Amino acid sequence: MACSKRFAEFTQEELLSKRNKLNPENTKRANEGAAKILREYLNQRKENVNFESYTLEQLDEVLGHFYLGARTMQGEMY
């Protein structure tokens, strides 16, 4: 009986390619749109728009305020 490896090895390129294929295009567009809206919110509040650099605590605080303050383009509650 031939012995085979249980865990395959991948190059960095193969790993990145696989990750990119995990999320459908619609999900990617929705995430990009959500990030754009969050940046608009942060810009309006004159806060750092690079939320990717926030600590978990900072992100938690900002998202809590964002969620409570978010309105439609007409200013109505969702």
PDB file of N, CA and C in Angstrom:
ATOM      1  N   MET A   1       0.840  -1.182   0.000  1.00  0.00           N
ATOM      2  CA  MET A   1       0.000   0.000   0.000  1.00  0.00           C
ATOM      3  C   MET A   1       0.881   1.240   0.000  1.00  0.00           C
ATOM      4  N   ALA A   2       0.660   2.105  -0.953  1.00  0.00           N
ATOM      5  CA  ALA A   2       1.468   3.312  -1.089  1.00  0.00           C
ATOM      6  C   ALA A   2       1.116   4.319  -0.005  1.00  0.00           C
ATOM      7  N   CYS A   3       2.127   4.974   0.493  1.00  0.00           N
ATOM      8  CA  CYS A   3       1.925   5.991   1.529  1.00  0.00           C
ATOM      9  C   CYS A   3       1.851   7.359   0.856  1.00  0.00           C
ATOM     10  N   SER A   4       0.780   8.082   1.114  1.00  0.00           N
ATOM     11  CA  SER A   4       0.664   9.415   0.533  1.00  0.00           C
ATOM     12  C   SER A   4       0.570  10.440   1.647  1.00  0.00           C
ATOM     13  N   LYS A   5       0.883  11.669   1.298  1.00  0.00           N
ATOM     14  CA  LYS A   5       0.810  12.740   2.286  1.00  0.00           C
ATOM     15  C   LYS A   5      -0.640  13.064   2.588  1.00  0.00           C
ATOM     16  N   ARG A   6      -0.929  13.249   3.842  1.00  0.00           N
ATOM     17  CA  ARG A   6      -2.289  13.611   4.250  1.00  0.00           C
ATOM     18  C   ARG A   6      -2.587  15.075   3.933  1.00  0.00           C
ATOM     19  N   PHE A   7      -1.579  15.935   4.032  1.00  0.00           N
ATOM     20  CA  PHE A   7      -1.773  17.362   3.821  1.00  0.00           C
ATOM     21  C   PHE A   7      -0.939  17.829   2.631  1.00  0.00           C
ATOM     22  N   ALA A   8      -1.611  18.401   1.674  1.00  0.00           N
ATOM     23  CA  ALA A   8      -0.927  18.882   0.483  1.00  0.00           C
ATOM     24  C   ALA A   8      -0.204  20.183   0.785  1.00  0.00           C
ATOM     25  N   GLU A   9       0.799  20.480  -0.002  1.00  0.00           N
ATOM     26  CA  GLU A   9       1.534  21.734   0.125  1.00  0.00           C
ATOM     27  C   GLU A   9       1.142  22.642  -1.036  1.00  0.00           C
ATOM     28  N   PHE A  10       1.092  23.937  -0.753  1.00  0.00           N
ATOM     29  CA  PHE A  10       0.686  24.910  -1.751  1.00  0.00           C
ATOM     30  C   PHE A  10       1.686  26.039  -1.813  1.00  0.00           C
ATOM     31  N   THR A  11       1.819  26.618  -2.997  1.00  0.00           N
ATOM     32  CA  THR A  11       2.631  27.821  -3.124  1.00  0.00           C
ATOM     33  C   THR A  11       1.800  29.009  -2.646  1.00  0.00           C
ATOM     34  N   GLN A  12       2.456  30.116  -2.408  1.00  0.00           N
ATOM     35  CA  GLN A  12       1.759  31.326  -1.988  1.00  0.00           C
ATOM     36  C   GLN A  12       0.768  31.766  -3.067  1.00  0.00           C
ATOM     37  N   GLU A  13       1.140  31.645  -4.321  1.00  0.00           N
ATOM     38  CA  GLU A  13       0.255  32.011  -5.432  1.00  0.00           C
ATOM     39  C   GLU A  13      -1.003  31.146  -5.443  1.00  0.00           C
ATOM     40  N   GLU A  14      -0.849  29.850  -5.235  1.00  0.00           N
ATOM     41  CA  GLU A  14      -1.999  28.942  -5.200  1.00  0.00           C
ATOM     42  C   GLU A  14      -2.928  29.289  -4.039  1.00  0.00           C
ATOM     43  N   LEU A  15      -2.340  29.616  -2.908  1.00  0.00           N
ATOM     44  CA  LEU A  15      -3.137  29.983  -1.737  1.00  0.00           C
ATOM     45  C   LEU A  15      -3.925  31.265  -1.994  1.00  0.00           C
ATOM     46  N   LEU A  16      -3.280  32.286  -2.539  1.00  0.00           N
ATOM     47  CA  LEU A  16      -3.965  33.538  -2.835  1.00  0.00           C
ATOM     48  C   LEU A  16      -5.056  33.348  -3.877  1.00  0.00           C
ATOM     49  N   SER A  17      -4.778  32.532  -4.884  1.00  0.00           N
ATOM     50  CA  SER A  17      -5.773  32.259  -5.908  1.00  0.00           C
ATOM     51  C   SER A  17      -7.005  31.596  -5.308  1.00  0.00           C
ATOM     52  N   LYS A  18      -6.795  30.649  -4.437  1.00  0.00           N
ATOM     53  CA  LYS A  18      -7.902  29.940  -3.777  1.00  0.00           C
ATOM     54  C   LYS A  18      -8.714  30.904  -2.914  1.00  0.00           C
ATOM     55  N   ARG A  19      -8.037  31.755  -2.164  1.00  0.00           N
ATOM     56  CA  ARG A  19      -8.734  32.731  -1.323  1.00  0.00           C
ATOM     57  C   ARG A  19      -9.592  33.671  -2.159  1.00  0.00           C
ATOM     58  N   ASN A  20      -9.054  34.107  -3.291  1.00  0.00           N
ATOM     59  CA  ASN A  20      -9.795  35.034  -4.152  1.00  0.00           C
ATOM     60  C   ASN A  20     -11.047  34.402  -4.743  1.00  0.00           C
ATOM     61  N   LYS A  21     -11.046  33.098  -4.888  1.00  0.00           N
ATOM     62  CA  LYS A  21     -12.188  32.405  -5.467  1.00  0.00           C
ATOM     63  C   LYS A  21     -13.244  32.030  -4.427  1.00  0.00           C
ATOM     64  N   LEU A  22     -12.924  32.186  -3.136  1.00  0.00           N
ATOM     65  CA  LEU A  22     -13.863  31.791  -2.077  1.00  0.00           C
ATOM     66  C   LEU A  22     -15.097  32.685  -2.029  1.00  0.00           C
ATOM     67  N   ASN A  23     -14.926  33.972  -2.269  1.00  0.00           N
ATOM     68  CA  ASN A  23     -16.044  34.904  -2.202  1.00  0.00           C
ATOM     69  C   ASN A  23     -16.553  35.234  -3.600  1.00  0.00           C
ATOM     70  N   PRO A  24     -17.833  35.045  -3.828  1.00  0.00           N
ATOM     71  CA  PRO A  24     -18.395  35.405  -5.126  1.00  0.00           C
ATOM     72  C   PRO A  24     -18.254  36.905  -5.388  1.00  0.00           C
ATOM     73  N   GLU A  25     -18.305  37.290  -6.645  1.00  0.00           N
ATOM     74  CA  GLU A  25     -18.149  38.695  -7.037  1.00  0.00           C
ATOM     75  C   GLU A  25     -19.185  39.587  -6.361  1.00  0.00           C
ATOM     76  N   ASN A  26     -20.419  39.114  -6.227  1.00  0.00           N
ATOM     77  CA  ASN A  26     -21.448  39.937  -5.583  1.00  0.00           C
ATOM     78  C   ASN A  26     -21.087  40.243  -4.131  1.00  0.00           C
ATOM     79  N   THR A  27     -20.511  39.271  -3.452  1.00  0.00           N
ATOM     80  CA  THR A  27     -20.092  39.479  -2.065  1.00  0.00           C
ATOM     81  C   THR A  27     -18.969  40.499  -2.004  1.00  0.00           C
ATOM     82  N   LYS A  28     -18.019  40.391  -2.918  1.00  0.00           N
ATOM     83  CA  LYS A  28     -16.909  41.348  -2.959  1.00  0.00           C
ATOM     84  C   LYS A  28     -17.433  42.760  -3.188  1.00  0.00           C
ATOM     85  N   ARG A  29     -18.354  42.924  -4.139  1.00  0.00           N
ATOM     86  CA  ARG A  29     -18.919  44.256  -4.421  1.00  0.00           C
ATOM     87  C   ARG A  29     -19.684  44.794  -3.218  1.00  0.00           C
ATOM     88  N   ALA A  30     -20.434  43.936  -2.545  1.00  0.00           N
ATOM     89  CA  ALA A  30     -21.187  44.367  -1.365  1.00  0.00           C
ATOM     90  C   ALA A  30     -20.231  44.815  -0.257  1.00  0.00           C
ATOM     91  N   ASN A  31     -19.155  44.073  -0.051  1.00  0.00           N
ATOM     92  CA  ASN A  31     -18.170  44.443   0.967  1.00  0.00           C
ATOM     93  C   ASN A  31     -17.484  45.760   0.624  1.00  0.00           C
ATOM     94  N   GLU A  32     -17.150  45.953  -0.640  1.00  0.00           N
ATOM     95  CA  GLU A  32     -16.523  47.203  -1.060  1.00  0.00           C
ATOM     96  C   GLU A  32     -17.478  48.377  -0.868  1.00  0.00           C
ATOM     97  N   GLY A  33     -18.755  48.166  -1.167  1.00  0.00           N
ATOM     98  CA  GLY A  33     -19.753  49.219  -0.969  1.00  0.00           C
ATOM     99  C   GLY A  33     -19.920  49.559   0.501  1.00  0.00           C
ATOM    100  N   ALA A  34     -19.925  48.549   1.344  1.00  0.00           N
ATOM    101  CA  ALA A  34     -20.059  48.772   2.787  1.00  0.00           C
ATOM    102  C   ALA A  34     -18.846  49.521   3.326  1.00  0.00           C
ATOM    103  N   ALA A  35     -17.666  49.168   2.861  1.00  0.00           N
ATOM    104  CA  ALA A  35     -16.447  49.853   3.296  1.00  0.00           C
ATOM    105  C   ALA A  35     -16.473  51.311   2.861  1.00  0.00           C
ATOM    106  N   LYS A  36     -16.981  51.563   1.667  1.00  0.00           N
ATOM    107  CA  LYS A  36     -17.078  52.943   1.167  1.00  0.00           C
ATOM    108  C   LYS A  36     -18.005  53.765   2.067  1.00  0.00           C
ATOM    109  N   ILE A  37     -19.134  53.199   2.448  1.00  0.00           N
ATOM    110  CA  ILE A  37     -20.084  53.911   3.310  1.00  0.00           C
ATOM    111  C   ILE A  37     -19.459  54.164   4.686  1.00  0.00           C
ATOM    112  N   LEU A  38     -18.748  53.183   5.222  1.00  0.00           N
ATOM    113  CA  LEU A  38     -18.097  53.368   6.516  1.00  0.00           C
ATOM    114  C   LEU A  38     -17.042  54.472   6.423  1.00  0.00           C
ATOM    115  N   ARG A  39     -16.287  54.510   5.320  1.00  0.00           N
ATOM    116  CA  ARG A  39     -15.293  55.577   5.146  1.00  0.00           C
ATOM    117  C   ARG A  39     -15.968  56.948   5.066  1.00  0.00           C
ATOM    118  N   GLU A  40     -17.104  57.033   4.379  1.00  0.00           N
ATOM    119  CA  GLU A  40     -17.849  58.297   4.306  1.00  0.00           C
ATOM    120  C   GLU A  40     -18.259  58.737   5.704  1.00  0.00           C
ATOM    121  N   TYR A  41     -18.731  57.800   6.507  1.00  0.00           N
ATOM    122  CA  TYR A  41     -19.129  58.086   7.881  1.00  0.00           C
ATOM    123  C   TYR A  41     -17.940  58.612   8.679  1.00  0.00           C
ATOM    124  N   LEU A  42     -16.809  57.914   8.582  1.00  0.00           N
ATOM    125  CA  LEU A  42     -15.627  58.328   9.327  1.00  0.00           C
ATOM    126  C   LEU A  42     -15.124  59.689   8.856  1.00  0.00           C
ATOM    127  N   ASN A  43     -15.168  59.930   7.561  1.00  0.00           N
ATOM    128  CA  ASN A  43     -14.746  61.215   7.006  1.00  0.00           C
ATOM    129  C   ASN A  43     -15.644  62.332   7.519  1.00  0.00           C
ATOM    130  N   GLN A  44     -16.948  62.100   7.545  1.00  0.00           N
ATOM    131  CA  GLN A  44     -17.894  63.101   8.036  1.00  0.00           C
ATOM    132  C   GLN A  44     -17.618  63.445   9.495  1.00  0.00           C
ATOM    133  N   ARG A  45     -17.201  62.450  10.258  1.00  0.00           N
ATOM    134  CA  ARG A  45     -16.900  62.666  11.681  1.00  0.00           C
ATOM    135  C   ARG A  45     -15.462  63.127  11.901  1.00  0.00           C
ATOM    136  N   LYS A  46     -14.732  63.322  10.787  1.00  0.00           N
ATOM    137  CA  LYS A  46     -13.326  63.754  10.823  1.00  0.00           C
ATOM    138  C   LYS A  46     -12.451  62.778  11.620  1.00  0.00           C
ATOM    139  N   GLU A  47     -12.691  61.497  11.379  1.00  0.00           N
ATOM    140  CA  GLU A  47     -11.902  60.438  11.997  1.00  0.00           C
ATOM    141  C   GLU A  47     -11.067  59.746  10.927  1.00  0.00           C
ATOM    142  N   ASN A  48     -10.093  58.984  11.356  1.00  0.00           N
ATOM    143  CA  ASN A  48      -9.223  58.239  10.459  1.00  0.00           C
ATOM    144  C   ASN A  48     -10.054  57.272   9.627  1.00  0.00           C
ATOM    145  N   VAL A  49     -10.017  57.433   8.298  1.00  0.00           N
ATOM    146  CA  VAL A  49     -10.831  56.589   7.417  1.00  0.00           C
ATOM    147  C   VAL A  49     -10.193  55.229   7.153  1.00  0.00           C
ATOM    148  N   ASN A  50      -8.971  55.032   7.590  1.00  0.00           N
ATOM    149  CA  ASN A  50      -8.272  53.761   7.391  1.00  0.00           C
ATOM    150  C   ASN A  50      -8.608  52.808   8.526  1.00  0.00           C
ATOM    151  N   PHE A  51      -9.866  52.366   8.550  1.00  0.00           N
ATOM    152  CA  PHE A  51     -10.338  51.529   9.648  1.00  0.00           C
ATOM    153  C   PHE A  51      -9.619  50.184   9.722  1.00  0.00           C
ATOM    154  N   GLU A  52      -8.947  49.793   8.658  1.00  0.00           N
ATOM    155  CA  GLU A  52      -8.200  48.533   8.679  1.00  0.00           C
ATOM    156  C   GLU A  52      -7.073  48.573   9.714  1.00  0.00           C
ATOM    157  N   SER A  53      -6.628  49.771  10.071  1.00  0.00           N
ATOM    158  CA  SER A  53      -5.536  49.896  11.036  1.00  0.00           C
ATOM    159  C   SER A  53      -6.043  50.030  12.471  1.00  0.00           C
ATOM    160  N   TYR A  54      -7.342  50.048  12.678  1.00  0.00           N
ATOM    161  CA  TYR A  54      -7.921  50.184  14.018  1.00  0.00           C
ATOM    162  C   TYR A  54      -7.656  48.932  14.849  1.00  0.00           C
ATOM    163  N   THR A  55      -7.568  49.124  16.142  1.00  0.00           N
ATOM    164  CA  THR A  55      -7.541  47.978  17.049  1.00  0.00           C
ATOM    165  C   THR A  55      -8.964  47.405  17.089  1.00  0.00           C
ATOM    166  N   LEU A  56      -9.102  46.214  17.634  1.00  0.00           N
ATOM    167  CA  LEU A  56     -10.438  45.624  17.743  1.00  0.00           C
ATOM    168  C   LEU A  56     -11.357  46.491  18.600  1.00  0.00           C
ATOM    169  N   GLU A  57     -10.803  47.085  19.642  1.00  0.00           N
ATOM    170  CA  GLU A  57     -11.601  47.937  20.521  1.00  0.00           C
ATOM    171  C   GLU A  57     -12.072  49.190  19.785  1.00  0.00           C
ATOM    172  N   GLN A  58     -11.180  49.806  19.008  1.00  0.00           N
ATOM    173  CA  GLN A  58     -11.546  50.999  18.235  1.00  0.00           C
ATOM    174  C   GLN A  58     -12.613  50.648  17.199  1.00  0.00           C
ATOM    175  N   LEU A  59     -12.420  49.541  16.514  1.00  0.00           N
ATOM    176  CA  LEU A  59     -13.375  49.126  15.492  1.00  0.00           C
ATOM    177  C   LEU A  59     -14.735  48.827  16.107  1.00  0.00           C
ATOM    178  N   ASP A  60     -14.747  48.175  17.251  1.00  0.00           N
ATOM    179  CA  ASP A  60     -15.989  47.884  17.960  1.00  0.00           C
ATOM    180  C   ASP A  60     -16.728  49.182  18.302  1.00  0.00           C
ATOM    181  N   GLU A  61     -16.010  50.150  18.813  1.00  0.00           N
ATOM    182  CA  GLU A  61     -16.607  51.432  19.197  1.00  0.00           C
ATOM    183  C   GLU A  61     -17.174  52.169  17.977  1.00  0.00           C
ATOM    184  N   VAL A  62     -16.370  52.253  16.917  1.00  0.00           N
ATOM    185  CA  VAL A  62     -16.790  52.965  15.713  1.00  0.00           C
ATOM    186  C   VAL A  62     -17.995  52.283  15.071  1.00  0.00           C
ATOM    187  N   LEU A  63     -17.962  50.962  14.965  1.00  0.00           N
ATOM    188  CA  LEU A  63     -19.073  50.253  14.333  1.00  0.00           C
ATOM    189  C   LEU A  63     -20.359  50.374  15.143  1.00  0.00           C
ATOM    190  N   GLY A  64     -20.238  50.430  16.458  1.00  0.00           N
ATOM    191  CA  GLY A  64     -21.417  50.641  17.296  1.00  0.00           C
ATOM    192  C   GLY A  64     -22.068  51.978  17.005  1.00  0.00           C
ATOM    193  N   HIS A  65     -21.265  53.037  16.939  1.00  0.00           N
ATOM    194  CA  HIS A  65     -21.787  54.366  16.626  1.00  0.00           C
ATOM    195  C   HIS A  65     -22.322  54.428  15.194  1.00  0.00           C
ATOM    196  N   PHE A  66     -21.587  53.803  14.275  1.00  0.00           N
ATOM    197  CA  PHE A  66     -22.004  53.782  12.872  1.00  0.00           C
ATOM    198  C   PHE A  66     -23.368  53.113  12.720  1.00  0.00           C
ATOM    199  N   TYR A  67     -23.523  51.980  13.362  1.00  0.00           N
ATOM    200  CA  TYR A  67     -24.773  51.226  13.262  1.00  0.00           C
ATOM    201  C   TYR A  67     -25.960  52.044  13.766  1.00  0.00           C
ATOM    202  N   LEU A  68     -25.772  52.718  14.896  1.00  0.00           N
ATOM    203  CA  LEU A  68     -26.862  53.515  15.454  1.00  0.00           C
ATOM    204  C   LEU A  68     -27.149  54.773  14.644  1.00  0.00           C
ATOM    205  N   GLY A  69     -26.121  55.312  13.992  1.00  0.00           N
ATOM    206  CA  GLY A  69     -26.295  56.565  13.271  1.00  0.00           C
ATOM    207  C   GLY A  69     -26.591  56.421  11.786  1.00  0.00           C
ATOM    208  N   ALA A  70     -26.527  55.220  11.247  1.00  0.00           N
ATOM    209  CA  ALA A  70     -26.711  55.025   9.804  1.00  0.00           C
ATOM    210  C   ALA A  70     -28.132  55.352   9.382  1.00  0.00           C
ATOM    211  N   ARG A  71     -28.248  56.068   8.274  1.00  0.00           N
ATOM    212  CA  ARG A  71     -29.542  56.466   7.704  1.00  0.00           C
ATOM    213  C   ARG A  71     -29.487  56.225   6.199  1.00  0.00           C
ATOM    214  N   THR A  72     -30.648  56.215   5.579  1.00  0.00           N
ATOM    215  CA  THR A  72     -30.702  56.114   4.122  1.00  0.00           C
ATOM    216  C   THR A  72     -30.205  57.430   3.529  1.00  0.00           C
ATOM    217  N   MET A  73     -30.047  57.465   2.225  1.00  0.00           N
ATOM    218  CA  MET A  73     -29.608  58.701   1.555  1.00  0.00           C
ATOM    219  C   MET A  73     -30.589  59.838   1.790  1.00  0.00           C
ATOM    220  N   GLN A  74     -31.847  59.518   2.089  1.00  0.00           N
ATOM    221  CA  GLN A  74     -32.865  60.535   2.350  1.00  0.00           C
ATOM    222  C   GLN A  74     -32.901  60.940   3.827  1.00  0.00           C
ATOM    223  N   GLY A  75     -32.027  60.360   4.641  1.00  0.00           N
ATOM    224  CA  GLY A  75     -31.954  60.702   6.049  1.00  0.00           C
ATOM    225  C   GLY A  75     -32.913  59.927   6.928  1.00  0.00           C
ATOM    226  N   GLU A  76     -33.566  58.920   6.368  1.00  0.00           N
ATOM    227  CA  GLU A  76     -34.508  58.118   7.140  1.00  0.00           C
ATOM    228  C   GLU A  76     -33.807  56.916   7.744  1.00  0.00           C
ATOM    229  N   MET A  77     -34.372  56.406   8.839  1.00  0.00           N
ATOM    230  CA  MET A  77     -33.803  55.206   9.459  1.00  0.00           C
ATOM    231  C   MET A  77     -34.044  53.995   8.552  1.00  0.00           C
ATOM    232  N   TYR A  78     -33.112  53.084   8.603  1.00  0.00           N
ATOM    233  CA  TYR A  78     -33.278  51.842   7.836  1.00  0.00           C
ATOM    234  C   TYR A  78     -34.349  50.985   8.454  1.00  0.00           C
TER     235      TYR A  78
END
